[in-house]
Protein backbone atom coordinates (compact mmCIF):
# COMPACT_ATOMS: atom_id res chain seq x y z
CA MET A 1 0.00 0.04 -0.07
CA SER A 2 1.16 3.55 -0.68
CA GLU A 3 2.13 5.84 2.43
CA ALA A 4 -1.11 7.70 2.32
CA GLU A 5 -3.95 5.70 3.77
CA PRO A 6 -7.09 5.41 1.32
CA THR A 7 -9.80 7.57 2.57
CA LEU A 8 -13.71 6.44 2.67
CA GLY A 9 -16.84 8.27 2.18
CA ALA A 10 -20.21 7.20 2.99
CA PRO A 11 -21.62 3.96 1.56
CA GLU A 12 -22.66 4.09 -2.32
CA ARG A 13 -24.77 0.99 -2.47
CA VAL A 14 -26.44 -1.81 -0.58
CA VAL A 15 -26.13 -5.43 -1.23
CA VAL A 16 -29.09 -7.35 -0.49
CA ARG A 17 -29.19 -11.19 -0.11
CA TYR A 18 -32.07 -13.41 -0.10
CA GLY A 19 -32.17 -17.15 1.03
CA GLU A 20 -35.40 -19.15 0.40
CA LEU A 21 -36.09 -17.31 -2.87
CA ALA A 22 -33.15 -19.05 -4.46
CA LEU A 23 -34.58 -22.51 -3.94
CA LYS A 24 -37.86 -21.70 -6.12
CA GLY A 25 -36.47 -23.12 -9.30
CA GLY A 26 -38.39 -22.21 -12.20
CA ASN A 27 -40.66 -19.70 -10.27
CA ARG A 28 -37.67 -17.78 -8.76
CA VAL A 29 -37.78 -14.82 -11.35
CA ASP A 30 -41.23 -14.20 -10.16
CA PHE A 31 -40.25 -14.13 -6.55
CA GLU A 32 -37.23 -11.81 -7.34
CA ARG A 33 -39.73 -9.50 -9.18
CA ALA A 34 -41.93 -9.44 -6.44
CA LEU A 35 -39.07 -8.48 -3.67
CA VAL A 36 -37.73 -5.77 -5.94
CA ARG A 37 -41.18 -4.47 -6.25
CA ASN A 38 -41.41 -4.47 -2.39
CA LEU A 39 -38.24 -3.13 -1.96
CA LYS A 40 -38.92 -0.12 -4.18
CA ASP A 41 -42.02 0.58 -2.26
CA ALA A 42 -40.35 0.47 1.08
CA LEU A 43 -37.44 2.72 0.19
CA LYS A 44 -39.08 5.24 -1.92
CA ARG A 45 -39.57 7.69 1.00
CA ILE A 46 -35.84 7.71 1.63
CA ALA A 47 -34.28 8.22 -1.66
CA PRO A 48 -34.86 7.30 -5.25
CA VAL A 49 -32.94 3.93 -6.00
CA VAL A 50 -31.85 1.71 -8.96
CA ILE A 51 -32.10 -1.93 -8.18
CA GLU A 52 -30.09 -4.31 -10.27
CA ARG A 53 -31.05 -8.29 -10.00
CA GLN A 54 -27.82 -10.40 -9.94
CA ARG A 55 -27.62 -14.05 -9.30
CA GLY A 56 -28.49 -14.63 -5.71
CA ARG A 57 -28.08 -11.02 -4.97
CA LEU A 58 -29.97 -7.65 -5.52
CA LEU A 59 -27.65 -4.42 -5.58
CA VAL A 60 -29.48 -1.28 -4.59
CA THR A 61 -28.00 2.11 -5.58
CA PRO A 62 -29.55 4.99 -4.05
CA GLU A 63 -29.16 8.64 -4.67
CA ALA A 64 -28.26 9.01 -1.00
CA ARG A 65 -28.63 7.90 2.36
CA ALA A 66 -27.46 4.32 1.74
CA GLU A 67 -27.23 3.34 5.45
CA GLU A 68 -30.92 4.41 6.14
CA ILE A 69 -31.73 2.40 2.87
CA ALA A 70 -29.98 -0.60 4.41
CA GLU A 71 -31.70 -0.35 7.67
CA ARG A 72 -35.14 -0.06 5.86
CA ALA A 73 -34.51 -2.96 3.39
CA ALA A 74 -33.75 -5.14 6.44
CA ARG A 75 -37.43 -4.94 7.32
CA VAL A 76 -38.67 -6.38 4.13
CA PHE A 77 -39.87 -10.00 3.94
CA GLY A 78 -37.74 -11.83 1.67
CA VAL A 79 -34.41 -10.23 2.54
CA LYS A 80 -31.85 -12.65 4.45
CA SER A 81 -29.52 -9.80 5.13
CA VAL A 82 -28.03 -6.55 3.77
CA SER A 83 -24.79 -4.79 3.56
CA PRO A 84 -24.16 -1.06 3.08
CA ALA A 85 -21.06 -1.22 0.63
CA TRP A 86 -18.64 0.62 -1.53
CA GLY A 87 -18.10 -0.23 -5.29
CA CYS A 88 -14.64 -0.45 -7.26
CA PRO A 89 -13.43 -1.80 -10.56
CA SER A 90 -12.67 -5.33 -10.86
CA ASP A 91 -8.79 -4.81 -10.32
CA PRO A 92 -6.89 -6.63 -7.64
CA GLU A 93 -4.93 -3.36 -6.70
CA ALA A 94 -8.17 -1.29 -6.62
CA ILE A 95 -10.14 -3.78 -4.53
CA ALA A 96 -7.15 -3.76 -2.05
CA ARG A 97 -7.06 -0.18 -1.50
CA LEU A 98 -10.88 -0.05 -1.10
CA ALA A 99 -10.80 -3.05 1.17
CA ARG A 100 -8.20 -1.41 3.39
CA ALA A 101 -10.24 1.93 3.65
CA VAL A 102 -13.20 -0.26 4.55
CA PHE A 103 -11.39 -2.29 7.09
CA LEU A 104 -9.79 0.80 8.77
CA ASP A 105 -13.31 2.61 8.82
CA ALA A 106 -14.82 -0.48 10.68
CA LEU A 107 -11.71 -0.85 13.07
CA ALA A 108 -12.26 2.69 14.38
CA GLN A 109 -15.83 1.81 14.99
CA LEU A 110 -15.22 -1.16 17.07
CA PRO A 111 -16.73 -1.00 20.55
CA ARG A 112 -14.15 -0.12 23.48
CA GLY A 113 -13.03 -3.42 24.89
CA VAL A 114 -13.63 -5.41 21.91
CA GLU A 115 -10.22 -7.40 20.81
CA PRO A 116 -9.59 -6.31 17.11
CA SER A 117 -9.73 -9.29 14.97
CA MET A 118 -10.38 -9.89 11.17
CA ARG A 119 -11.17 -12.17 8.53
CA VAL A 120 -11.73 -11.62 4.48
CA ARG A 121 -14.43 -13.46 2.77
CA SER A 122 -14.40 -13.18 -0.95
CA ASN A 123 -17.15 -14.19 -3.10
CA ARG A 124 -15.76 -14.61 -6.80
CA ALA A 125 -18.88 -14.93 -8.68
CA ASP A 126 -17.13 -13.55 -11.86
CA LYS A 127 -15.00 -16.51 -13.19
CA ARG A 128 -12.94 -14.20 -15.54
CA PHE A 129 -11.23 -12.61 -12.32
CA PRO A 130 -7.58 -13.71 -12.22
CA MET A 131 -7.56 -15.11 -8.57
CA THR A 132 -9.83 -17.70 -6.98
CA SER A 133 -11.90 -16.69 -3.90
CA ILE A 134 -9.26 -18.38 -1.54
CA GLU A 135 -6.35 -16.56 -3.53
CA LEU A 136 -8.27 -13.11 -3.16
CA ASP A 137 -8.72 -13.63 0.53
CA ARG A 138 -5.02 -14.30 1.17
CA TYR A 139 -3.90 -11.30 -1.07
CA LEU A 140 -6.50 -8.96 0.45
CA GLY A 141 -5.47 -10.09 3.96
CA ASP A 142 -1.90 -9.30 3.32
CA ARG A 143 -2.62 -5.92 1.77
CA VAL A 144 -5.43 -4.94 4.53
CA LEU A 145 -3.23 -5.70 7.54
CA GLY A 146 0.26 -4.44 6.23
CA GLY A 147 1.80 -2.14 8.79
CA ILE A 148 -1.24 -2.60 11.32
CA ASP A 149 -0.09 -3.96 14.57
CA GLY A 150 -2.37 -5.66 17.29
CA VAL A 151 -5.16 -7.02 14.79
CA ARG A 152 -5.21 -11.09 14.75
CA VAL A 153 -6.66 -12.94 11.83
CA GLN A 154 -9.74 -15.17 13.27
CA MET A 155 -11.62 -17.58 11.01
CA ASP A 156 -14.52 -17.90 13.49
CA GLU A 157 -16.47 -15.22 14.52
CA PRO A 158 -14.00 -12.32 13.96
CA ALA A 159 -14.74 -8.71 15.16
CA ILE A 160 -14.55 -7.64 11.70
CA GLU A 161 -15.41 -9.85 8.63
CA LEU A 162 -14.67 -7.98 5.26
CA GLY A 163 -16.71 -9.00 2.59
CA VAL A 164 -15.88 -8.62 -1.09
CA ASP A 165 -18.35 -9.59 -3.71
CA VAL A 166 -16.62 -9.82 -7.21
CA ARG A 167 -19.21 -10.04 -9.95
CA MET A 168 -19.40 -9.11 -13.82
CA GLU A 169 -21.23 -5.85 -13.10
CA GLY A 170 -18.30 -4.68 -10.69
CA VAL A 171 -17.19 -5.30 -7.23
CA SER A 172 -18.78 -4.39 -3.71
CA VAL A 173 -16.84 -4.20 -0.40
CA PHE A 174 -18.55 -4.07 2.94
CA ALA A 175 -17.68 -4.98 6.67
CA ARG A 176 -21.17 -5.25 8.07
CA ARG A 177 -24.18 -7.51 7.76
CA ILE A 178 -27.60 -6.54 8.89
CA ALA A 179 -29.90 -9.61 9.35
CA GLY A 180 -33.33 -9.30 7.34
CA PRO A 181 -36.47 -11.14 8.36
CA GLY A 182 -36.02 -13.88 5.53
CA GLY A 183 -39.44 -15.53 4.27
CA LEU A 184 -41.21 -14.77 1.10
CA PRO A 185 -42.01 -11.41 -0.34
CA VAL A 186 -45.52 -10.24 0.81
CA GLY A 187 -48.01 -10.81 -1.62
CA THR A 188 -46.67 -13.77 -3.35
CA GLN A 189 -49.09 -16.40 -1.40
CA GLY A 190 -52.30 -14.21 -1.56
CA ARG A 191 -54.12 -12.00 0.87
CA GLY A 192 -54.90 -12.55 4.45
CA LEU A 193 -57.27 -10.93 7.04
CA CYS A 194 -56.05 -10.86 10.54
CA LEU A 195 -58.39 -10.60 13.47
CA LEU A 196 -56.29 -8.27 15.36
CA SER A 197 -57.05 -7.47 19.00
CA GLY A 198 -54.93 -5.35 21.28
CA GLY A 199 -53.16 -8.40 22.74
CA ILE A 200 -49.86 -9.97 22.35
CA ASP A 201 -50.65 -12.82 20.20
CA SER A 202 -52.71 -11.66 17.05
CA PRO A 203 -49.85 -9.19 16.06
CA VAL A 204 -47.38 -11.87 16.13
CA ALA A 205 -49.71 -14.04 13.98
CA ALA A 206 -50.07 -11.48 11.38
CA TRP A 207 -46.50 -10.93 11.31
CA MET A 208 -45.69 -14.67 10.97
CA SER A 209 -48.20 -14.84 8.19
CA MET A 210 -46.78 -11.73 6.21
CA LYS A 211 -43.25 -13.55 6.50
CA ARG A 212 -44.81 -16.57 4.59
CA GLY A 213 -45.87 -14.10 1.80
CA LEU A 214 -49.45 -13.08 2.63
CA ALA A 215 -50.31 -9.63 2.28
CA MET A 216 -52.27 -8.77 5.46
CA SER A 217 -55.26 -6.92 6.05
CA PHE A 218 -56.89 -6.43 9.71
CA ILE A 219 -59.94 -6.43 11.47
CA GLY A 220 -60.65 -5.38 14.96
CA PHE A 221 -63.87 -5.47 16.97
CA HIS A 222 -64.88 -2.26 19.24
CA SER A 223 -67.32 -2.54 22.00
CA TRP A 224 -68.40 0.97 22.38
CA PRO A 225 -69.47 2.38 25.02
CA TYR A 226 -68.53 -0.56 27.24
CA ILE A 227 -64.81 -0.30 25.90
CA GLY A 228 -63.38 3.16 25.34
CA GLU A 229 -61.47 4.98 22.37
CA ALA A 230 -58.21 4.07 23.91
CA SER A 231 -58.94 0.53 22.90
CA LYS A 232 -59.53 1.31 19.34
CA GLN A 233 -56.45 3.48 19.23
CA LYS A 234 -54.27 0.54 20.28
CA VAL A 235 -55.45 -1.34 17.67
CA ILE A 236 -54.70 1.17 15.23
CA THR A 237 -51.31 1.69 16.65
CA LEU A 238 -50.68 -2.02 16.34
CA ALA A 239 -51.70 -1.93 12.72
CA ARG A 240 -49.42 0.88 11.88
CA SER A 241 -46.41 -1.02 13.65
CA LEU A 242 -47.06 -4.04 11.35
CA CYS A 243 -47.01 -1.83 8.27
CA GLU A 244 -43.42 -1.14 9.11
CA TRP A 245 -43.11 -4.70 7.47
CA GLN A 246 -45.54 -4.45 4.23
CA SER A 247 -45.91 -0.85 3.78
CA ARG A 248 -49.79 -0.41 4.02
CA ALA A 249 -52.92 -2.28 4.92
CA ARG A 250 -56.64 -1.81 5.31
CA LEU A 251 -58.15 -2.01 8.79
CA TYR A 252 -61.72 -2.67 9.39
CA ILE A 253 -63.23 -1.55 12.95
CA VAL A 254 -66.48 -3.54 13.27
CA PRO A 255 -68.99 -2.30 16.10
CA PHE A 256 -69.47 -5.19 18.40
CA ALA A 257 -71.29 -4.21 21.31
CA PRO A 258 -74.87 -4.76 19.91
CA ILE A 259 -73.82 -8.30 19.16
CA GLN A 260 -72.48 -8.71 22.48
CA LEU A 261 -75.71 -7.49 24.29
CA ALA A 262 -77.87 -9.90 22.14
CA ILE A 263 -75.84 -12.89 23.13
CA ARG A 264 -75.52 -11.73 26.80
CA ASP A 265 -79.39 -11.47 26.83
CA ARG A 266 -80.23 -14.99 24.85
CA ALA A 267 -77.43 -17.42 25.49
CA PRO A 268 -75.88 -19.10 28.57
CA ALA A 269 -73.06 -17.18 30.23
CA SER A 270 -70.71 -20.11 29.98
CA TYR A 271 -70.93 -19.88 26.09
CA ARG A 272 -70.50 -16.20 25.67
CA THR A 273 -66.79 -16.05 24.68
CA ILE A 274 -67.25 -18.81 22.19
CA LEU A 275 -70.39 -17.29 20.72
CA TYR A 276 -68.58 -14.04 20.44
CA ARG A 277 -65.86 -15.50 18.33
CA ARG A 278 -68.21 -17.21 16.23
CA MET A 279 -69.64 -14.11 15.33
CA MET A 280 -66.23 -12.61 14.63
CA GLN A 281 -65.53 -15.45 12.14
CA ARG A 282 -68.81 -14.78 10.49
CA ILE A 283 -68.18 -11.04 10.08
CA ALA A 284 -64.30 -11.63 8.92
CA SER A 285 -65.45 -14.19 6.55
CA ARG A 286 -67.95 -11.84 4.80
CA ILE A 287 -65.79 -9.06 4.53
CA SER A 288 -63.01 -11.12 3.23
CA GLU A 289 -65.29 -12.68 0.61
CA ARG A 290 -66.44 -9.18 -0.31
CA ASP A 291 -62.97 -7.56 -0.61
CA GLY A 292 -60.92 -10.36 -1.82
CA GLN A 293 -58.81 -11.71 1.16
CA ASP A 294 -57.92 -15.54 0.93
CA VAL A 295 -57.93 -16.57 4.29
CA LEU A 296 -58.44 -15.64 7.91
CA VAL A 297 -55.60 -15.31 10.50
CA THR A 298 -55.89 -15.53 14.42
CA GLY A 299 -53.55 -15.59 16.99
CA GLU A 300 -55.06 -18.57 18.83
CA SER A 301 -52.64 -20.92 20.48
CA LEU A 302 -53.76 -24.37 21.55
CA GLY A 303 -54.67 -24.52 25.20
CA GLN A 304 -53.42 -21.10 26.32
CA VAL A 305 -56.89 -20.00 27.47
CA ALA A 306 -60.29 -21.45 27.99
CA SER A 307 -61.55 -20.48 24.48
CA GLN A 308 -58.49 -22.20 22.94
CA THR A 309 -59.13 -25.73 23.79
CA LEU A 310 -59.35 -28.03 20.78
CA ASP A 311 -62.86 -28.45 21.13
CA ASN A 312 -63.70 -24.67 21.52
CA LEU A 313 -61.50 -23.90 18.62
CA ARG A 314 -63.56 -26.53 16.44
CA CYS A 315 -66.81 -24.82 17.50
CA ILE A 316 -65.46 -21.18 16.64
CA GLU A 317 -64.02 -22.30 13.22
CA LEU A 318 -67.00 -24.23 12.09
CA ALA A 319 -68.80 -20.54 11.72
CA ALA A 320 -66.08 -19.36 9.28
CA SER A 321 -66.59 -19.57 5.61
CA ARG A 322 -62.74 -19.01 4.95
CA SER A 323 -59.90 -21.30 5.81
CA VAL A 324 -58.40 -20.16 9.25
CA LEU A 325 -54.62 -19.99 9.78
CA ARG A 326 -53.43 -20.09 13.50
CA PRO A 327 -49.34 -19.45 13.08
CA LEU A 328 -49.16 -19.50 16.71
CA VAL A 329 -50.96 -22.78 17.64
CA ALA A 330 -48.06 -24.78 18.86
CA LEU A 331 -45.97 -21.89 20.44
CA ASP A 332 -46.04 -21.19 24.06
CA LYS A 333 -46.44 -17.39 25.56
CA GLU A 334 -42.72 -17.05 26.00
CA GLU A 335 -42.03 -17.56 22.55
CA ILE A 336 -44.70 -15.54 21.34
CA ILE A 337 -43.42 -12.82 23.62
CA ALA A 338 -40.00 -13.19 22.36
CA ILE A 339 -41.08 -12.57 18.74
CA ALA A 340 -43.22 -9.72 19.84
CA ARG A 341 -40.30 -8.01 21.48
CA ARG A 342 -38.41 -8.58 18.20
CA ILE A 343 -40.70 -7.31 15.75
CA GLY A 344 -41.59 -4.09 17.80
CA THR A 345 -45.18 -4.87 18.98
CA PHE A 346 -44.84 -5.91 22.59
CA GLU A 347 -44.49 -2.80 24.13
CA ILE A 348 -47.93 -1.37 22.39
CA SER A 349 -49.67 -4.82 23.08
CA ASN A 350 -48.47 -4.65 26.87
CA VAL A 351 -50.14 -1.23 27.31
CA GLN A 352 -53.36 -2.19 29.76
CA GLU A 353 -56.50 -1.58 27.82
CA PRO A 354 -59.36 -3.96 27.75
CA ASP A 355 -60.63 -5.56 24.66
CA CYS A 356 -64.03 -6.55 23.37
CA CYS A 357 -63.87 -10.11 24.67
CA THR A 358 -63.59 -8.94 28.28
CA VAL A 359 -67.01 -7.28 27.83
CA PHE A 360 -69.84 -9.39 29.98
CA LEU A 361 -66.91 -11.99 30.64
CA PRO A 362 -68.46 -15.28 32.03
CA GLU A 363 -67.10 -16.34 35.41
CA HIS A 364 -66.77 -20.11 34.35
CA PRO A 365 -66.39 -20.49 30.67
CA VAL A 366 -67.28 -23.59 28.91
CA ILE A 367 -63.92 -25.89 28.40
CA ARG A 368 -65.31 -28.48 25.91
CA GLY A 369 -67.81 -26.55 23.65
CA VAL A 370 -70.32 -28.46 21.50
CA PRO A 371 -71.07 -27.34 17.98
CA SER A 372 -74.78 -28.37 18.18
CA GLU A 373 -74.98 -26.59 21.28
CA CYS A 374 -73.72 -23.36 19.61
CA GLU A 375 -76.11 -23.49 16.88
CA ARG A 376 -78.78 -24.36 19.40
CA PHE A 377 -78.18 -20.84 21.25
CA GLU A 378 -77.56 -19.17 17.90
CA SER A 379 -81.18 -20.12 16.78
CA GLU A 380 -82.39 -17.86 19.56
CA LEU A 381 -80.55 -14.83 18.02
CA ASP A 382 -80.96 -12.75 14.54
CA VAL A 383 -77.52 -13.90 13.27
CA GLU A 384 -77.90 -12.83 9.87
CA GLY A 385 -79.24 -9.33 11.01
CA LEU A 386 -76.68 -8.83 13.63
CA VAL A 387 -73.83 -9.96 11.21
CA SER A 388 -75.22 -7.49 8.28
CA THR A 389 -75.60 -4.66 10.40
CA ALA A 390 -71.98 -4.84 11.65
CA ILE A 391 -70.69 -5.08 8.44
CA ALA A 392 -72.90 -2.07 7.14
CA GLU A 393 -71.49 0.17 10.10
CA VAL A 394 -68.03 -1.05 9.87
CA GLU A 395 -65.11 1.68 9.64
CA ILE A 396 -62.58 1.20 7.16
CA LEU A 397 -59.07 2.92 7.75
CA ARG A 398 -56.22 2.93 5.24
CA ILE A 399 -52.85 2.36 7.12
CA GLU A 400 -49.44 3.12 5.78
CA ARG A 401 -46.07 3.01 6.93
């Protein structure tokens, strides 16, 4: 290296990696295109970008603010990891100068007390390049560390891993990987309607369904005047938080108190919660049929509460005319809370506000509901009239990131 150390400006580009999409065979191109669309939609409020599809990678070149672009891209489903990066020509000497600058910048940013260690990991996708990946690793290791004392080479979990991506389109050099959520691009597996309460579980169920490629809408049930406005606002806040992962969604707010009053007055107290939920399934099914959502999504976990025994789940689902997905069915509460913390919904959900199912809550709910009993109690209700009125009075909100 020359005596004058190379200087480094702000990152110029973002390397975006995907995982599961690479396994899609003949359909991979369609998934890549969907991911590109979703990335452009997520990034447009930060800066204009150009996105190039490369084999196993996407290269995002923004007009500015590449660090912010990288952080935002790491919240797009289908993305495995991202790296803010710098580019240079496909020439060993140019790569070495840039790699040293990137390394020195990363070294200066190491937290106090962290022992400096490094490795180089090259990916030579361009087979015309005159060195193999291993040869380039060794070459860059010598050039990057020359004249620097106190930094040891460490192959496993180094403090700094210097990445070099050599492709026909050019070279990218980086020293940071930001983990993405993985999964599939939102919208590639259809559309879902999540029954969103103010609790911890249903937002996690929505997020997990979005991760599997469902574009999610939300439906909440509001029992005014028995439940205050703060409960409704909590559901809206949760929907906005979830839109950090898919840009925009539709939120339906259903007036539910008239239905609960009818159930309270005409059905046994022990069946109230099951009958509430059966009516929710009917309303959600009708709205999804009208507006084009393919499936319903709930936050139910087997055995977590009285309404979620196997018998009761069956009673509830039989009222739906759409398929019902339960992403949390086999998770325990600690696992669900851990995901909620990671995705940013736990603090919102943990604010103590009653939801609609607490209205006229029975002291001794039935544990093993019977479908024929549910139907018998509902025969005393004007089910069609109650459902139709609720749907006619639904409030529809457009939620955006």
